[in-house]
Amino acid sequence: MSGQNHESSQQADFSALYLQRTTQELAEDLDKVRNADDFKADSIQFLVHALQQGAKQFTPREQERIVAAAQEGRKS
């Protein structure tokens, strides 16, 4: 696999892991937001985008380390 494909795959793996963990940790708060009177169906895309922005605080090296640790955890 080329370096760019590996990096892209790593970013996709990290993004999926980050969103999964974030939504688990914020489940109660996300339910409150979704149940708010002013929450609309098109708000979902905005909410997902906002959550994805948090992943950008991690460097590619940190993303790689976190994904590797998560994969190791699944093997155990």
PDB file of N, CA and C in Angstrom:
ATOM      1  N   MET A   1       0.851  -1.178   0.000  1.00  0.00           N
ATOM      2  CA  MET A   1       0.000   0.000   0.000  1.00  0.00           C
ATOM      3  C   MET A   1       0.887   1.227   0.000  1.00  0.00           C
ATOM      4  N   SER A   2       0.524   2.202  -0.826  1.00  0.00           N
ATOM      5  CA  SER A   2       1.346   3.403  -0.881  1.00  0.00           C
ATOM      6  C   SER A   2       1.169   4.207   0.392  1.00  0.00           C
ATOM      7  N   GLY A   3       2.119   5.099   0.676  1.00  0.00           N
ATOM      8  CA  GLY A   3       2.083   5.914   1.886  1.00  0.00           C
ATOM      9  C   GLY A   3       0.821   6.753   1.980  1.00  0.00           C
ATOM     10  N   GLN A   4       0.408   7.322   0.847  1.00  0.00           N
ATOM     11  CA  GLN A   4      -0.778   8.176   0.858  1.00  0.00           C
ATOM     12  C   GLN A   4      -2.038   7.348   1.129  1.00  0.00           C
ATOM     13  N   ASN A   5      -2.139   6.157   0.536  1.00  0.00           N
ATOM     14  CA  ASN A   5      -3.288   5.289   0.790  1.00  0.00           C
ATOM     15  C   ASN A   5      -3.314   4.831   2.230  1.00  0.00           C
ATOM     16  N   HIS A   6      -2.143   4.516   2.787  1.00  0.00           N
ATOM     17  CA  HIS A   6      -2.058   4.099   4.188  1.00  0.00           C
ATOM     18  C   HIS A   6      -2.514   5.222   5.109  1.00  0.00           C
ATOM     19  N   GLU A   7      -2.053   6.444   4.822  1.00  0.00           N
ATOM     20  CA  GLU A   7      -2.419   7.596   5.644  1.00  0.00           C
ATOM     21  C   GLU A   7      -3.918   7.863   5.551  1.00  0.00           C
ATOM     22  N   SER A   8      -4.469   7.765   4.345  1.00  0.00           N
ATOM     23  CA  SER A   8      -5.898   7.986   4.148  1.00  0.00           C
ATOM     24  C   SER A   8      -6.714   6.921   4.876  1.00  0.00           C
ATOM     25  N   SER A   9      -6.271   5.684   4.788  1.00  0.00           N
ATOM     26  CA  SER A   9      -6.940   4.587   5.492  1.00  0.00           C
ATOM     27  C   SER A   9      -6.853   4.786   6.994  1.00  0.00           C
ATOM     28  N   GLN A  10      -5.701   5.214   7.467  1.00  0.00           N
ATOM     29  CA  GLN A  10      -5.503   5.464   8.899  1.00  0.00           C
ATOM     30  C   GLN A  10      -6.422   6.580   9.365  1.00  0.00           C
ATOM     31  N   GLN A  11      -6.534   7.635   8.564  1.00  0.00           N
ATOM     32  CA  GLN A  11      -7.408   8.750   8.928  1.00  0.00           C
ATOM     33  C   GLN A  11      -8.865   8.306   8.980  1.00  0.00           C
ATOM     34  N   ALA A  12      -9.273   7.467   8.031  1.00  0.00           N
ATOM     35  CA  ALA A  12     -10.650   6.959   8.018  1.00  0.00           C
ATOM     36  C   ALA A  12     -10.897   6.075   9.243  1.00  0.00           C
ATOM     37  N   ASP A  13      -9.928   5.214   9.569  1.00  0.00           N
ATOM     38  CA  ASP A  13     -10.059   4.352  10.752  1.00  0.00           C
ATOM     39  C   ASP A  13     -10.137   5.192  12.022  1.00  0.00           C
ATOM     40  N   PHE A  14      -9.288   6.212  12.103  1.00  0.00           N
ATOM     41  CA  PHE A  14      -9.282   7.070  13.286  1.00  0.00           C
ATOM     42  C   PHE A  14     -10.590   7.846  13.390  1.00  0.00           C
ATOM     43  N   SER A  15     -11.055   8.383  12.276  1.00  0.00           N
ATOM     44  CA  SER A  15     -12.298   9.156  12.273  1.00  0.00           C
ATOM     45  C   SER A  15     -13.466   8.304  12.757  1.00  0.00           C
ATOM     46  N   ALA A  16     -13.554   7.073  12.253  1.00  0.00           N
ATOM     47  CA  ALA A  16     -14.632   6.174  12.674  1.00  0.00           C
ATOM     48  C   ALA A  16     -14.519   5.860  14.163  1.00  0.00           C
ATOM     49  N   LEU A  17     -13.314   5.569  14.622  1.00  0.00           N
ATOM     50  CA  LEU A  17     -13.089   5.264  16.036  1.00  0.00           C
ATOM     51  C   LEU A  17     -13.408   6.480  16.896  1.00  0.00           C
ATOM     52  N   TYR A  18     -12.945   7.639  16.480  1.00  0.00           N
ATOM     53  CA  TYR A  18     -13.174   8.869  17.232  1.00  0.00           C
ATOM     54  C   TYR A  18     -14.668   9.162  17.358  1.00  0.00           C
ATOM     55  N   LEU A  19     -15.404   9.063  16.246  1.00  0.00           N
ATOM     56  CA  LEU A  19     -16.840   9.329  16.289  1.00  0.00           C
ATOM     57  C   LEU A  19     -17.571   8.311  17.155  1.00  0.00           C
ATOM     58  N   GLN A  20     -17.161   7.055  17.062  1.00  0.00           N
ATOM     59  CA  GLN A  20     -17.792   6.014  17.878  1.00  0.00           C
ATOM     60  C   GLN A  20     -17.591   6.304  19.364  1.00  0.00           C
ATOM     61  N   ARG A  21     -16.365   6.567  19.746  1.00  0.00           N
ATOM     62  CA  ARG A  21     -16.064   6.822  21.164  1.00  0.00           C
ATOM     63  C   ARG A  21     -16.702   8.121  21.653  1.00  0.00           C
ATOM     64  N   THR A  22     -16.662   9.135  20.820  1.00  0.00           N
ATOM     65  CA  THR A  22     -17.232  10.426  21.209  1.00  0.00           C
ATOM     66  C   THR A  22     -18.738  10.311  21.419  1.00  0.00           C
ATOM     67  N   THR A  23     -19.417   9.650  20.494  1.00  0.00           N
ATOM     68  CA  THR A  23     -20.866   9.512  20.645  1.00  0.00           C
ATOM     69  C   THR A  23     -21.227   8.638  21.836  1.00  0.00           C
ATOM     70  N   GLN A  24     -20.386   7.661  22.173  1.00  0.00           N
ATOM     71  CA  GLN A  24     -20.625   6.859  23.380  1.00  0.00           C
ATOM     72  C   GLN A  24     -20.483   7.720  24.629  1.00  0.00           C
ATOM     73  N   GLU A  25     -19.432   8.516  24.680  1.00  0.00           N
ATOM     74  CA  GLU A  25     -19.168   9.352  25.848  1.00  0.00           C
ATOM     75  C   GLU A  25     -20.204  10.468  26.005  1.00  0.00           C
ATOM     76  N   LEU A  26     -20.688  10.970  24.883  1.00  0.00           N
ATOM     77  CA  LEU A  26     -21.624  12.095  24.920  1.00  0.00           C
ATOM     78  C   LEU A  26     -23.068  11.667  24.681  1.00  0.00           C
ATOM     79  N   ALA A  27     -23.355  10.387  24.810  1.00  0.00           N
ATOM     80  CA  ALA A  27     -24.678   9.848  24.469  1.00  0.00           C
ATOM     81  C   ALA A  27     -25.813  10.598  25.157  1.00  0.00           C
ATOM     82  N   GLU A  28     -25.699  10.837  26.428  1.00  0.00           N
ATOM     83  CA  GLU A  28     -26.766  11.510  27.169  1.00  0.00           C
ATOM     84  C   GLU A  28     -26.967  12.938  26.650  1.00  0.00           C
ATOM     85  N   ASP A  29     -25.875  13.653  26.438  1.00  0.00           N
ATOM     86  CA  ASP A  29     -25.965  15.021  25.928  1.00  0.00           C
ATOM     87  C   ASP A  29     -26.513  15.046  24.503  1.00  0.00           C
ATOM     88  N   LEU A  30     -26.098  14.097  23.677  1.00  0.00           N
ATOM     89  CA  LEU A  30     -26.589  14.037  22.298  1.00  0.00           C
ATOM     90  C   LEU A  30     -28.088  13.749  22.274  1.00  0.00           C
ATOM     91  N   ASP A  31     -28.564  12.904  23.177  1.00  0.00           N
ATOM     92  CA  ASP A  31     -30.004  12.647  23.263  1.00  0.00           C
ATOM     93  C   ASP A  31     -30.764  13.917  23.618  1.00  0.00           C
ATOM     94  N   LYS A  32     -30.222  14.709  24.528  1.00  0.00           N
ATOM     95  CA  LYS A  32     -30.877  15.971  24.897  1.00  0.00           C
ATOM     96  C   LYS A  32     -30.944  16.919  23.695  1.00  0.00           C
ATOM     97  N   VAL A  33     -29.864  16.982  22.939  1.00  0.00           N
ATOM     98  CA  VAL A  33     -29.837  17.852  21.757  1.00  0.00           C
ATOM     99  C   VAL A  33     -30.860  17.362  20.731  1.00  0.00           C
ATOM    100  N   ARG A  34     -30.871  16.063  20.462  1.00  0.00           N
ATOM    101  CA  ARG A  34     -31.802  15.503  19.473  1.00  0.00           C
ATOM    102  C   ARG A  34     -33.253  15.689  19.892  1.00  0.00           C
ATOM    103  N   ASN A  35     -33.527  15.694  21.183  1.00  0.00           N
ATOM    104  CA  ASN A  35     -34.900  15.829  21.670  1.00  0.00           C
ATOM    105  C   ASN A  35     -35.323  17.279  21.891  1.00  0.00           C
ATOM    106  N   ALA A  36     -34.445  18.213  21.618  1.00  0.00           N
ATOM    107  CA  ALA A  36     -34.768  19.631  21.782  1.00  0.00           C
ATOM    108  C   ALA A  36     -35.832  20.034  20.754  1.00  0.00           C
ATOM    109  N   ASP A  37     -36.675  20.964  21.145  1.00  0.00           N
ATOM    110  CA  ASP A  37     -37.771  21.406  20.273  1.00  0.00           C
ATOM    111  C   ASP A  37     -37.283  22.001  18.953  1.00  0.00           C
ATOM    112  N   ASP A  38     -36.122  22.633  18.970  1.00  0.00           N
ATOM    113  CA  ASP A  38     -35.627  23.286  17.750  1.00  0.00           C
ATOM    114  C   ASP A  38     -34.689  22.409  16.921  1.00  0.00           C
ATOM    115  N   PHE A  39     -34.548  21.130  17.262  1.00  0.00           N
ATOM    116  CA  PHE A  39     -33.687  20.221  16.502  1.00  0.00           C
ATOM    117  C   PHE A  39     -34.447  19.721  15.281  1.00  0.00           C
ATOM    118  N   LYS A  40     -33.840  19.860  14.107  1.00  0.00           N
ATOM    119  CA  LYS A  40     -34.462  19.429  12.852  1.00  0.00           C
ATOM    120  C   LYS A  40     -33.609  18.338  12.211  1.00  0.00           C
ATOM    121  N   ALA A  41     -34.193  17.633  11.267  1.00  0.00           N
ATOM    122  CA  ALA A  41     -33.486  16.540  10.590  1.00  0.00           C
ATOM    123  C   ALA A  41     -32.185  17.027   9.955  1.00  0.00           C
ATOM    124  N   ASP A  42     -32.192  18.250   9.368  1.00  0.00           N
ATOM    125  CA  ASP A  42     -30.958  18.723   8.732  1.00  0.00           C
ATOM    126  C   ASP A  42     -29.923  19.174   9.752  1.00  0.00           C
ATOM    127  N   SER A  43     -30.263  19.166  11.027  1.00  0.00           N
ATOM    128  CA  SER A  43     -29.295  19.488  12.073  1.00  0.00           C
ATOM    129  C   SER A  43     -28.306  18.339  12.296  1.00  0.00           C
ATOM    130  N   ILE A  44     -28.682  17.145  11.889  1.00  0.00           N
ATOM    131  CA  ILE A  44     -27.829  15.972  12.094  1.00  0.00           C
ATOM    132  C   ILE A  44     -26.495  16.146  11.383  1.00  0.00           C
ATOM    133  N   GLN A  45     -26.533  16.597  10.142  1.00  0.00           N
ATOM    134  CA  GLN A  45     -25.296  16.787   9.381  1.00  0.00           C
ATOM    135  C   GLN A  45     -24.397  17.805  10.084  1.00  0.00           C
ATOM    136  N   PHE A  46     -24.972  18.873  10.588  1.00  0.00           N
ATOM    137  CA  PHE A  46     -24.221  19.895  11.304  1.00  0.00           C
ATOM    138  C   PHE A  46     -23.608  19.303  12.576  1.00  0.00           C
ATOM    139  N   LEU A  47     -24.374  18.501  13.294  1.00  0.00           N
ATOM    140  CA  LEU A  47     -23.900  17.878  14.526  1.00  0.00           C
ATOM    141  C   LEU A  47     -22.740  16.924  14.253  1.00  0.00           C
ATOM    142  N   VAL A  48     -22.861  16.092  13.237  1.00  0.00           N
ATOM    143  CA  VAL A  48     -21.781  15.158  12.873  1.00  0.00           C
ATOM    144  C   VAL A  48     -20.528  15.938  12.478  1.00  0.00           C
ATOM    145  N   HIS A  49     -20.691  16.982  11.696  1.00  0.00           N
ATOM    146  CA  HIS A  49     -19.551  17.809  11.282  1.00  0.00           C
ATOM    147  C   HIS A  49     -18.853  18.404  12.513  1.00  0.00           C
ATOM    148  N   ALA A  50     -19.643  18.903  13.447  1.00  0.00           N
ATOM    149  CA  ALA A  50     -19.077  19.488  14.661  1.00  0.00           C
ATOM    150  C   ALA A  50     -18.286  18.448  15.446  1.00  0.00           C
ATOM    151  N   LEU A  51     -18.816  17.234  15.552  1.00  0.00           N
ATOM    152  CA  LEU A  51     -18.105  16.170  16.269  1.00  0.00           C
ATOM    153  C   LEU A  51     -16.812  15.789  15.543  1.00  0.00           C
ATOM    154  N   GLN A  52     -16.845  15.760  14.223  1.00  0.00           N
ATOM    155  CA  GLN A  52     -15.657  15.404  13.443  1.00  0.00           C
ATOM    156  C   GLN A  52     -14.533  16.413  13.623  1.00  0.00           C
ATOM    157  N   GLN A  53     -14.867  17.645  13.892  1.00  0.00           N
ATOM    158  CA  GLN A  53     -13.844  18.677  14.045  1.00  0.00           C
ATOM    159  C   GLN A  53     -12.910  18.361  15.211  1.00  0.00           C
ATOM    160  N   GLY A  54     -13.400  17.681  16.219  1.00  0.00           N
ATOM    161  CA  GLY A  54     -12.564  17.312  17.363  1.00  0.00           C
ATOM    162  C   GLY A  54     -11.418  16.389  16.977  1.00  0.00           C
ATOM    163  N   ALA A  55     -11.612  15.593  15.942  1.00  0.00           N
ATOM    164  CA  ALA A  55     -10.569  14.659  15.502  1.00  0.00           C
ATOM    165  C   ALA A  55      -9.356  15.399  14.955  1.00  0.00           C
ATOM    166  N   LYS A  56      -9.549  16.620  14.513  1.00  0.00           N
ATOM    167  CA  LYS A  56      -8.452  17.383  13.909  1.00  0.00           C
ATOM    168  C   LYS A  56      -7.420  17.848  14.929  1.00  0.00           C
ATOM    169  N   GLN A  57      -7.716  17.690  16.202  1.00  0.00           N
ATOM    170  CA  GLN A  57      -6.744  18.091  17.220  1.00  0.00           C
ATOM    171  C   GLN A  57      -5.613  17.071  17.374  1.00  0.00           C
ATOM    172  N   PHE A  58      -5.761  15.914  16.759  1.00  0.00           N
ATOM    173  CA  PHE A  58      -4.759  14.859  16.858  1.00  0.00           C
ATOM    174  C   PHE A  58      -3.854  14.850  15.632  1.00  0.00           C
ATOM    175  N   THR A  59      -2.554  14.729  15.862  1.00  0.00           N
ATOM    176  CA  THR A  59      -1.604  14.645  14.759  1.00  0.00           C
ATOM    177  C   THR A  59      -1.721  13.275  14.094  1.00  0.00           C
ATOM    178  N   PRO A  60      -1.241  13.136  12.849  1.00  0.00           N
ATOM    179  CA  PRO A  60      -1.270  11.820  12.204  1.00  0.00           C
ATOM    180  C   PRO A  60      -0.572  10.746  13.046  1.00  0.00           C
ATOM    181  N   ARG A  61       0.517  11.106  13.697  1.00  0.00           N
ATOM    182  CA  ARG A  61       1.235  10.130  14.535  1.00  0.00           C
ATOM    183  C   ARG A  61       0.371   9.695  15.727  1.00  0.00           C
ATOM    184  N   GLU A  62      -0.321  10.642  16.350  1.00  0.00           N
ATOM    185  CA  GLU A  62      -1.216  10.307  17.464  1.00  0.00           C
ATOM    186  C   GLU A  62      -2.381   9.454  16.980  1.00  0.00           C
ATOM    187  N   GLN A  63      -2.906   9.771  15.811  1.00  0.00           N
ATOM    188  CA  GLN A  63      -3.999   8.981  15.252  1.00  0.00           C
ATOM    189  C   GLN A  63      -3.555   7.537  15.034  1.00  0.00           C
ATOM    190  N   GLU A  64      -2.365   7.387  14.488  1.00  0.00           N
ATOM    191  CA  GLU A  64      -1.832   6.044  14.232  1.00  0.00           C
ATOM    192  C   GLU A  64      -1.682   5.259  15.533  1.00  0.00           C
ATOM    193  N   ARG A  65      -1.166   5.917  16.550  1.00  0.00           N
ATOM    194  CA  ARG A  65      -0.975   5.266  17.851  1.00  0.00           C
ATOM    195  C   ARG A  65      -2.314   4.856  18.475  1.00  0.00           C
ATOM    196  N   ILE A  66      -3.298   5.721  18.378  1.00  0.00           N
ATOM    197  CA  ILE A  66      -4.616   5.442  18.959  1.00  0.00           C
ATOM    198  C   ILE A  66      -5.310   4.299  18.228  1.00  0.00           C
ATOM    199  N   VAL A  67      -5.246   4.306  16.903  1.00  0.00           N
ATOM    200  CA  VAL A  67      -5.849   3.224  16.119  1.00  0.00           C
ATOM    201  C   VAL A  67      -5.157   1.900  16.434  1.00  0.00           C
ATOM    202  N   ALA A  68      -3.832   1.906  16.514  1.00  0.00           N
ATOM    203  CA  ALA A  68      -3.091   0.678  16.825  1.00  0.00           C
ATOM    204  C   ALA A  68      -3.480   0.155  18.208  1.00  0.00           C
ATOM    205  N   ALA A  69      -3.609   1.038  19.182  1.00  0.00           N
ATOM    206  CA  ALA A  69      -3.995   0.631  20.538  1.00  0.00           C
ATOM    207  C   ALA A  69      -5.402   0.042  20.553  1.00  0.00           C
ATOM    208  N   ALA A  70      -6.312   0.639  19.791  1.00  0.00           N
ATOM    209  CA  ALA A  70      -7.669   0.133  19.729  1.00  0.00           C
ATOM    210  C   ALA A  70      -7.715  -1.250  19.080  1.00  0.00           C
ATOM    211  N   GLN A  71      -6.913  -1.431  18.026  1.00  0.00           N
ATOM    212  CA  GLN A  71      -6.856  -2.728  17.368  1.00  0.00           C
ATOM    213  C   GLN A  71      -6.248  -3.789  18.282  1.00  0.00           C
ATOM    214  N   GLU A  72      -5.246  -3.408  19.044  1.00  0.00           N
ATOM    215  CA  GLU A  72      -4.648  -4.333  20.023  1.00  0.00           C
ATOM    216  C   GLU A  72      -5.676  -4.718  21.082  1.00  0.00           C
ATOM    217  N   GLY A  73      -6.457  -3.744  21.529  1.00  0.00           N
ATOM    218  CA  GLY A  73      -7.489  -3.987  22.520  1.00  0.00           C
ATOM    219  C   GLY A  73      -8.545  -4.960  22.041  1.00  0.00           C
ATOM    220  N   ARG A  74      -8.855  -4.930  20.751  1.00  0.00           N
ATOM    221  CA  ARG A  74      -9.833  -5.857  20.179  1.00  0.00           C
ATOM    222  C   ARG A  74      -9.301  -7.282  20.106  1.00  0.00           C
ATOM    223  N   LYS A  75      -7.983  -7.411  19.981  1.00  0.00           N
ATOM    224  CA  LYS A  75      -7.372  -8.736  19.890  1.00  0.00           C
ATOM    225  C   LYS A  75      -7.351  -9.436  21.236  1.00  0.00           C
ATOM    226  N   SER A  76      -7.350  -8.664  22.302  1.00  0.00           N
ATOM    227  CA  SER A  76      -7.261  -9.224  23.658  1.00  0.00           C
ATOM    228  C   SER A  76      -8.560  -9.842  24.105  1.00  0.00           C
TER     229      SER A  76
END
